[in-house]
Protein backbone atom coordinates (compact mmCIF):
# COMPACT_ATOMS: atom_id res chain seq x y z
CA MET A 1 101.23 110.29 137.53
CA LYS A 2 98.68 113.67 136.75
CA VAL A 3 99.57 114.69 133.16
CA GLY A 4 98.50 117.52 131.06
CA PHE A 5 98.14 117.75 127.35
CA VAL A 6 98.53 121.24 125.46
CA GLY A 7 97.42 120.64 122.35
CA LEU A 8 94.35 117.81 121.36
CA GLY A 9 95.07 117.78 117.69
CA LYS A 10 95.49 114.71 115.61
CA LEU A 11 98.46 113.98 117.59
CA GLY A 12 97.88 115.55 120.82
CA MET A 13 94.57 113.89 121.87
CA PRO A 14 94.69 110.38 120.95
CA CYS A 15 98.03 110.18 122.96
CA ALA A 16 96.21 111.86 126.16
CA VAL A 17 93.43 109.32 126.02
CA ALA A 18 96.49 106.53 125.39
CA MET A 19 97.81 107.43 128.79
CA ALA A 20 94.57 107.79 130.61
CA MET A 21 93.91 104.05 129.71
CA LYS A 22 97.29 103.33 130.97
CA GLY A 23 95.68 104.85 134.45
CA HIS A 24 97.04 108.38 134.31
CA ASP A 25 95.28 111.51 135.51
CA VAL A 26 94.88 113.43 132.21
CA MET A 27 93.82 116.74 131.92
CA GLY A 28 93.92 118.38 128.23
CA PHE A 29 94.03 121.93 126.96
CA ASP A 30 93.41 123.36 123.24
CA ILE A 31 93.08 126.88 121.81
CA ASN A 32 90.41 125.67 119.95
CA ALA A 33 87.56 125.24 122.40
CA ALA A 34 86.02 122.94 119.60
CA ALA A 35 88.41 120.65 120.48
CA MET A 36 87.83 120.24 124.20
CA THR A 37 85.46 117.42 124.19
CA LYS A 38 84.89 113.88 123.15
CA ASP A 39 82.59 114.39 120.40
CA PRO A 40 83.75 112.41 117.33
CA ARG A 41 86.38 113.36 115.58
CA PRO A 42 86.06 114.35 111.42
CA TYR A 43 88.73 112.34 110.63
CA ARG A 44 89.59 108.68 110.64
CA GLU A 45 91.61 107.99 113.88
CA THR A 46 92.14 104.47 114.92
CA GLY A 47 91.82 102.97 118.57
CA PRO A 48 95.10 101.02 120.45
CA ASP A 49 94.84 97.84 117.95
CA GLY A 50 95.24 100.35 114.71
CA VAL A 51 92.20 98.77 113.32
CA GLU A 52 88.85 99.40 115.41
CA PRO A 53 87.54 103.12 115.35
CA PHE A 54 89.11 106.04 117.94
CA ASP A 55 85.41 107.69 118.26
CA PRO A 56 84.63 105.30 121.29
CA TYR A 57 88.03 105.25 123.12
CA LEU A 58 87.92 109.24 123.40
CA ALA A 59 83.98 108.99 124.75
CA ALA A 60 84.72 106.53 127.29
CA SER A 61 88.40 108.02 128.80
CA SER A 62 89.34 109.23 131.32
CA VAL A 63 90.66 112.47 129.92
CA ARG A 64 89.14 115.93 130.92
CA PHE A 65 90.01 119.37 129.83
CA GLY A 66 90.47 122.90 132.01
CA SER A 67 91.95 126.48 131.12
CA LEU A 68 95.67 127.08 130.92
CA ALA A 69 95.84 127.56 134.33
CA GLU A 70 93.72 124.57 135.77
CA LEU A 71 96.00 122.66 133.80
CA ALA A 72 99.78 123.63 134.97
CA ASP A 73 98.04 123.37 138.36
CA HIS A 74 97.04 120.04 138.01
CA SER A 75 100.04 118.72 136.14
CA ASP A 76 103.39 117.16 137.08
CA ILE A 77 104.35 117.00 133.72
CA ILE A 78 102.92 118.59 130.78
CA PHE A 79 103.25 117.27 126.90
CA VAL A 80 103.02 119.96 124.23
CA ALA A 81 101.51 119.05 121.21
CA VAL A 82 100.91 122.01 118.99
CA GLN A 83 101.50 122.22 115.45
CA THR A 84 104.54 123.65 113.29
CA PRO A 85 102.87 124.01 110.01
CA HIS A 86 104.76 124.54 107.12
CA ASP A 87 103.72 127.06 104.38
CA PRO A 88 101.21 125.22 101.94
CA ARG A 89 103.44 125.42 99.18
CA TYR A 90 105.66 122.77 101.12
CA GLU A 91 102.83 120.05 101.93
CA GLY A 92 103.76 118.01 99.21
CA VAL A 93 100.57 118.25 96.69
CA THR A 94 102.03 120.46 94.82
CA ARG A 95 105.46 121.37 92.91
CA ILE A 96 108.39 122.65 94.84
CA PRO A 97 108.89 126.20 94.92
CA PRO A 98 112.66 126.62 94.27
CA GLU A 99 112.84 128.93 97.52
CA ARG A 100 112.91 127.29 100.69
CA VAL A 101 111.84 128.07 104.13
CA ASP A 102 111.58 126.82 107.98
CA PHE A 103 108.98 125.38 109.41
CA ASN A 104 106.46 128.11 111.27
CA TYR A 105 107.26 128.37 114.99
CA ASP A 106 104.54 130.79 115.66
CA HIS A 107 101.61 128.55 117.04
CA LEU A 108 104.48 126.43 119.53
CA VAL A 109 106.23 129.57 120.78
CA SER A 110 102.56 131.04 121.31
CA ALA A 111 101.61 128.18 123.20
CA LEU A 112 104.84 128.23 125.33
CA ARG A 113 104.55 131.99 125.83
CA ASP A 114 100.39 131.92 127.38
CA LEU A 115 101.78 128.63 129.56
CA ALA A 116 104.48 130.16 131.54
CA PRO A 117 102.57 133.05 133.64
CA HIS A 118 101.21 129.89 134.61
CA VAL A 119 103.47 127.03 135.83
CA LYS A 120 104.61 128.56 139.83
CA ARG A 121 106.53 125.21 140.77
CA PRO A 122 108.78 123.19 138.98
CA THR A 123 107.00 121.37 135.93
CA ALA A 124 108.53 118.94 133.53
CA VAL A 125 107.77 120.38 129.98
CA VAL A 126 108.22 118.10 127.22
CA VAL A 127 108.09 119.66 123.78
CA ILE A 128 106.55 116.49 121.23
CA SER A 129 106.49 118.98 118.01
CA THR A 130 109.12 118.82 115.07
CA VAL A 131 111.07 120.75 114.85
CA LEU A 132 114.73 121.35 112.90
CA PRO A 133 117.51 121.10 114.84
CA GLY A 134 118.84 123.88 117.16
CA THR A 135 114.66 125.64 117.05
CA VAL A 136 114.12 124.40 120.79
CA ARG A 137 117.51 126.50 122.46
CA ARG A 138 116.86 129.48 119.64
CA HIS A 139 112.90 129.85 119.87
CA ILE A 140 111.37 128.41 123.12
CA PHE A 141 113.87 128.83 125.70
CA PRO A 142 113.50 132.92 125.81
CA VAL A 143 109.92 132.15 126.18
CA ILE A 144 109.47 129.96 129.31
CA ASN A 145 110.49 130.67 132.98
CA HIS A 146 112.80 129.07 135.46
CA HIS A 147 110.09 127.15 137.03
CA MET A 148 109.58 125.04 133.16
CA ARG A 149 112.16 121.97 133.12
CA ILE A 150 111.91 121.43 129.21
CA CYS A 151 112.86 118.19 127.51
CA TYR A 152 112.10 117.37 123.95
CA ASN A 153 110.33 114.17 123.20
CA PRO A 154 108.90 113.87 119.55
CA PHE A 155 107.00 110.20 118.68
CA PHE A 156 107.15 108.44 115.99
CA ILE A 157 103.70 108.23 114.61
CA ALA A 158 101.89 107.75 111.69
CA MET A 159 98.23 109.86 111.74
CA GLY A 160 95.13 107.17 111.65
CA THR A 161 96.81 104.86 114.12
CA THR A 162 98.75 107.39 116.21
CA MET A 163 97.14 105.48 119.55
CA ARG A 164 98.95 101.74 118.45
CA ASP A 165 102.02 103.81 117.39
CA PHE A 166 102.18 105.38 120.63
CA MET A 167 101.56 102.16 122.76
CA ASN A 168 104.46 100.33 120.89
CA PRO A 169 106.90 102.78 120.31
CA GLU A 170 110.52 101.12 118.63
CA PHE A 171 112.10 103.28 120.93
CA ILE A 172 111.68 106.72 123.03
CA LEU A 173 113.53 109.67 121.87
CA PHE A 174 114.04 111.67 124.81
CA GLY A 175 116.53 115.25 124.79
CA VAL A 176 117.31 116.29 128.01
CA HIS A 177 117.90 119.50 128.81
CA ASP A 178 116.94 118.49 132.83
CA PRO A 179 117.85 115.37 134.27
CA ASP A 180 115.34 115.35 136.66
CA ALA A 181 112.63 116.61 134.41
CA ALA A 182 114.09 113.56 131.73
CA LYS A 183 113.53 111.09 134.79
CA ARG A 184 110.23 112.10 135.82
CA ALA A 185 109.45 111.41 132.21
CA GLN A 186 111.20 108.04 132.01
CA GLU A 187 109.51 106.46 135.10
CA LEU A 188 105.87 107.86 133.20
CA TYR A 189 107.09 105.80 130.10
CA ARG A 190 107.71 102.72 131.70
CA THR A 191 104.12 102.39 132.71
CA LEU A 192 103.54 102.90 128.78
CA THR A 193 105.84 100.58 127.02
CA ASP A 194 109.04 98.66 127.58
CA ALA A 195 110.57 100.06 124.55
CA PRO A 196 114.35 101.10 125.15
CA PHE A 197 114.62 104.58 126.45
CA TYR A 198 116.69 107.00 124.56
CA ALA A 199 118.61 109.87 126.07
CA THR A 200 120.38 112.43 124.16
CA SER A 201 121.02 115.93 123.87
CA VAL A 202 118.09 118.34 122.63
CA GLU A 203 119.72 119.12 119.36
CA ASN A 204 120.44 114.87 118.68
CA ALA A 205 117.03 114.71 119.20
CA GLU A 206 115.23 117.90 116.76
CA LEU A 207 117.66 116.01 114.16
CA ILE A 208 117.36 112.32 114.38
CA LYS A 209 113.48 112.85 114.37
CA VAL A 210 113.71 115.01 110.96
CA SER A 211 115.98 112.88 109.92
CA TYR A 212 113.84 109.39 110.94
CA ASN A 213 111.26 111.18 108.90
CA THR A 214 113.42 112.04 105.84
CA PHE A 215 114.88 108.38 105.51
CA ILE A 216 111.65 107.35 104.77
CA GLY A 217 111.30 109.14 102.22
CA MET A 218 114.14 107.96 100.65
CA LYS A 219 112.98 104.30 100.73
CA ILE A 220 109.87 105.07 99.53
CA VAL A 221 112.13 106.87 96.47
CA PHE A 222 113.86 104.13 96.11
CA ALA A 223 111.34 101.47 96.00
CA ASN A 224 109.40 103.30 93.27
CA THR A 225 112.22 103.98 91.10
CA VAL A 226 112.77 100.11 90.92
CA MET A 227 108.71 99.81 90.74
CA GLU A 228 109.56 102.57 87.39
CA ILE A 229 112.61 99.97 85.97
CA CYS A 230 110.45 96.95 86.52
CA HIS A 231 107.66 98.69 84.52
CA LYS A 232 110.12 99.09 81.65
CA THR A 233 111.31 95.94 81.86
CA PRO A 234 110.27 92.25 80.53
CA GLY A 235 110.28 89.81 82.77
CA THR A 236 110.10 91.65 85.85
CA ASP A 237 108.19 92.55 88.65
CA ALA A 238 108.57 95.11 91.53
CA ASP A 239 107.18 93.00 94.37
CA GLN A 240 109.18 90.18 93.47
CA VAL A 241 111.99 92.37 93.69
CA MET A 242 111.19 94.37 96.73
CA GLY A 243 109.76 90.93 98.46
CA ALA A 244 113.73 89.49 98.01
CA LEU A 245 114.75 93.38 99.32
CA LYS A 246 112.61 92.99 102.43
CA MET A 247 114.71 89.59 103.70
CA ALA A 248 117.97 90.85 103.81
CA GLY A 249 117.40 91.97 107.24
CA ARG A 250 120.81 91.55 108.57
CA ARG A 251 122.70 94.17 106.15
CA LEU A 252 120.50 96.26 104.52
CA ILE A 253 117.17 97.24 106.25
CA SER A 254 114.01 96.63 107.74
CA PRO A 255 110.75 95.69 105.70
CA ALA A 256 109.12 98.67 106.38
CA TYR A 257 108.16 101.60 103.36
CA LEU A 258 109.66 99.36 100.86
CA LYS A 259 106.66 99.11 99.06
CA SER A 260 106.18 100.80 95.82
CA GLY A 261 103.37 102.59 94.13
CA MET A 262 102.77 106.38 94.85
CA GLY A 263 104.94 108.92 96.73
CA ASP A 264 105.22 109.40 100.12
CA GLY A 265 102.49 111.79 102.21
CA GLY A 266 101.34 113.11 105.66
CA GLY A 267 101.79 115.87 107.84
CA CYS A 268 105.99 114.42 108.32
CA HIS A 269 107.80 113.22 105.68
CA PRO A 270 107.07 115.70 102.56
CA ARG A 271 107.15 118.54 104.37
CA ASP A 272 109.83 117.63 106.87
CA ASN A 273 111.83 116.53 103.38
CA ILE A 274 111.65 120.19 101.57
CA ALA A 275 112.43 121.67 105.43
CA MET A 276 115.43 119.77 105.76
CA SER A 277 116.30 120.81 102.01
CA TRP A 278 115.76 124.26 103.51
CA LEU A 279 118.69 123.94 106.00
CA ALA A 280 120.84 121.83 103.77
CA ARG A 281 121.34 125.38 102.00
CA SER A 282 121.20 127.21 105.02
CA LEU A 283 124.14 125.32 105.77
CA ASP A 284 125.73 125.90 102.97
CA LEU A 285 126.04 121.81 102.52
CA SER A 286 127.71 120.23 99.93
CA CYS A 287 124.51 118.34 98.40
CA ASP A 288 121.29 119.20 99.21
CA PHE A 289 120.03 115.27 99.35
CA PHE A 290 116.45 116.20 100.19
CA GLU A 291 116.25 118.66 97.13
CA ASP A 292 116.95 115.41 95.12
CA LEU A 293 114.55 113.15 97.17
CA MET A 294 111.76 115.26 96.87
CA MET A 295 112.04 116.10 92.86
CA ALA A 296 112.48 112.09 92.98
CA ARG A 297 109.14 112.04 94.08
CA GLU A 298 107.88 114.87 91.62
CA ASN A 299 109.27 112.78 88.95
CA GLN A 300 107.92 109.44 89.65
CA THR A 301 103.89 111.41 90.02
CA GLU A 302 105.35 112.84 86.71
CA PHE A 303 105.71 109.04 85.46
CA LEU A 304 102.48 108.16 86.85
CA ALA A 305 101.11 111.27 84.96
CA ASP A 306 102.39 110.23 81.69
CA LEU A 307 100.83 106.42 82.00
CA MET A 308 96.91 108.37 82.58
CA CYS A 309 97.65 110.79 79.45
CA ARG A 310 98.06 107.62 77.39
CA HIS A 311 95.04 107.18 77.13
CA ALA A 312 91.97 109.10 75.93
CA LEU A 313 89.48 108.86 78.03
CA PRO A 314 88.21 110.96 81.09
CA LYS A 315 90.98 110.60 84.31
CA VAL A 316 90.01 109.86 87.64
CA ILE A 317 91.90 109.52 90.85
CA LEU A 318 90.70 106.88 92.42
CA GLY A 319 91.62 106.98 96.29
CA TYR A 320 93.53 110.31 96.87
CA SER A 321 94.20 109.88 100.55
CA PHE A 322 98.10 109.60 101.53
CA LYS A 323 97.32 106.88 103.75
CA ALA A 324 95.23 103.49 103.25
CA GLU A 325 91.93 103.16 105.18
CA THR A 326 91.88 106.31 105.99
CA ASN A 327 90.59 110.25 104.88
CA LEU A 328 93.54 111.74 105.51
CA THR A 329 95.17 113.48 102.65
CA THR A 330 97.72 116.04 104.14
CA GLY A 331 101.04 115.96 101.53
CA SER A 332 98.36 113.03 99.32
CA PRO A 333 100.69 112.13 96.09
CA ALA A 334 97.84 111.28 94.65
CA VAL A 335 96.53 115.03 95.29
CA LEU A 336 100.47 116.20 93.64
CA LEU A 337 99.13 114.17 90.58
CA ALA A 338 95.73 115.43 89.82
CA ASN A 339 97.76 119.00 89.85
CA ILE A 340 100.35 117.86 87.46
CA MET A 341 97.66 116.37 85.60
CA ARG A 342 95.57 119.96 85.86
CA GLU A 343 98.78 122.05 85.09
CA ARG A 344 98.89 119.37 81.81
CA GLY A 345 95.20 120.37 80.74
CA HIS A 346 93.46 117.57 81.69
CA ALA A 347 90.61 117.57 83.83
CA VAL A 348 90.28 114.92 86.93
CA ALA A 349 88.22 114.47 89.50
CA LEU A 350 89.32 112.80 92.72
CA ILE A 351 86.79 110.31 94.12
CA ASP A 352 87.77 108.59 97.36
CA PRO A 353 85.80 106.05 99.56
CA PHE A 354 86.69 107.39 102.93
CA ILE A 355 85.61 110.79 101.77
CA GLU A 356 83.17 111.28 99.48
CA GLY A 357 82.57 107.67 99.04
CA ILE A 358 81.86 105.33 95.92
CA PRO A 359 78.40 106.10 93.59
CA ASN A 360 76.06 103.93 93.78
CA ASP A 361 75.79 104.03 90.12
CA PHE A 362 79.75 103.70 89.78
CA ALA A 363 79.96 100.45 87.59
CA GLU A 364 76.94 101.62 85.14
CA GLY A 365 79.37 105.11 84.44
CA GLU A 366 81.12 106.00 80.61
CA ALA A 367 84.63 104.06 80.70
CA ARG A 368 87.83 105.85 82.08
CA VAL A 369 90.63 106.28 83.08
CA PHE A 370 91.26 105.19 86.91
CA LEU A 371 94.35 105.39 88.73
CA LEU A 372 94.29 104.01 92.09
CA GLY A 373 95.97 106.68 93.98
CA ALA A 374 95.44 104.97 97.75
CA GLU A 375 96.02 101.21 98.96
CA HIS A 376 92.26 100.84 100.10
CA SER A 377 90.79 97.50 100.70
CA VAL A 378 87.97 98.19 99.12
CA LEU A 379 89.06 98.79 95.40
CA LYS A 380 90.05 95.52 95.24
CA THR A 381 86.52 94.91 95.14
CA LEU A 382 84.88 97.66 92.70
CA LYS A 383 83.11 96.77 89.24
CA PHE A 384 84.43 99.06 86.99
CA PRO A 385 82.79 100.55 83.87
CA ALA A 386 83.59 98.19 80.76
CA GLY A 387 86.26 99.40 78.34
CA SER A 388 87.93 101.31 81.50
CA VAL A 389 91.55 100.93 81.94
CA VAL A 390 92.90 100.75 85.45
CA ILE A 391 96.22 102.02 86.27
CA ASP A 392 97.28 100.26 89.71
CA PRO A 393 101.10 101.14 91.29
CA TRP A 394 99.79 98.99 94.44
CA ARG A 395 99.47 96.18 92.47
CA MET A 396 95.97 95.00 94.27
CA LEU A 397 93.88 93.47 91.87
CA ALA A 398 94.68 89.84 91.77
CA ALA A 399 91.65 89.30 89.14
CA PRO A 400 90.58 91.99 87.17
CA GLN A 401 87.32 91.82 85.46
CA PRO A 402 87.83 90.92 81.67
CA ASP A 403 86.24 94.13 80.44
CA ILE A 404 88.69 96.21 81.48
CA THR A 405 92.30 97.27 80.80
CA TYR A 406 94.25 96.53 83.66
CA ILE A 407 97.95 97.84 83.88
CA PRO A 408 99.76 97.19 87.07
CA VAL A 409 102.83 99.42 87.30
CA GLY A 410 105.80 97.66 88.06
CA ILE A 411 105.57 94.49 86.44
CA GLY A 412 107.22 94.08 82.79
CA PRO A 413 105.65 95.30 79.75
CA ALA A 414 104.33 91.87 78.49
CA SER A 415 101.47 92.88 81.02
CA GLY A 416 101.12 95.99 79.00
CA ILE A 417 102.87 99.33 79.78
């Protein structure tokens, strides 16, 4: 098919490349001209296997670029991958303000309004941005023309492994407003994956997307609650407890995200929980469950701050991307931890091997308190300065060096609380 992508950011570009790899004729447009190139991306993204770098796939792809008019003329189906940002106060790297707000839909509405004059024949226009339920009907329908056959199709991907997740989904969620457009989209997806195609109303699809994201946050809060219990209870081990629960696939849950460590992060999970808290208040729900989750995330980060503050040494958070093996810091719980420490009056340094790199003289430096804020595998091989304290929420160091104090968070007090 002839496919268009409006928005070539961290979501749009990898998915456009994936479709081109499957033989589709893909044209992209972005309001930022710098995005309409095949130059290496500044953020760390991977290819279809989730390991190899993305940039060579981009450079070799057949994706081409054009104006909105050219894209509309080219495309049988147009995917709109434009951001719906939250106020920076709700990203998850600072304490949550008492008031709540919805996402900002200005960029998405503007993109569809700009596209509308150029769509002059019946065309499936598929919105993939994260929105709260009711948004498409309230904000998008008023700015489109009668040729634009709108559907809502959010992707379930994680930044850093976008291509892999897009090409291997659990299911395709499709909010149907125009049945013919949905049929065309389903034909396209059958060339990409054999995953089930879940068709529902637009409003259901909007709610399913944010429910999925916030459910992940709930699992992480639960796993971290178990970690704190284990850290304060002799003879317990968070990995052993969660290892058993992961086996209860028939009655409990999948093993995904049942891993204690830092809180959830990224461009979806903290902000979606906070936006759903806004919706809970707007609908006057009996319980704002989403605020409870975010406050639990914040309080669990306070618990890690408490552990750091017990030691009268300079403080360092080692690894502050929100996801292992990437340089992505949006919504990072490690940055939230740093901000809480600074709020308490402690200077704290942030070092990440995928952002600044590790200094060459790292092992010869002064003794410090290091909290491992990201589950980067390279941190397992580091030699820490003698006399340091290493606080490890991930329990990564199987054989810690003898001249440091190692605190694996989530293992009972016999290992040192």
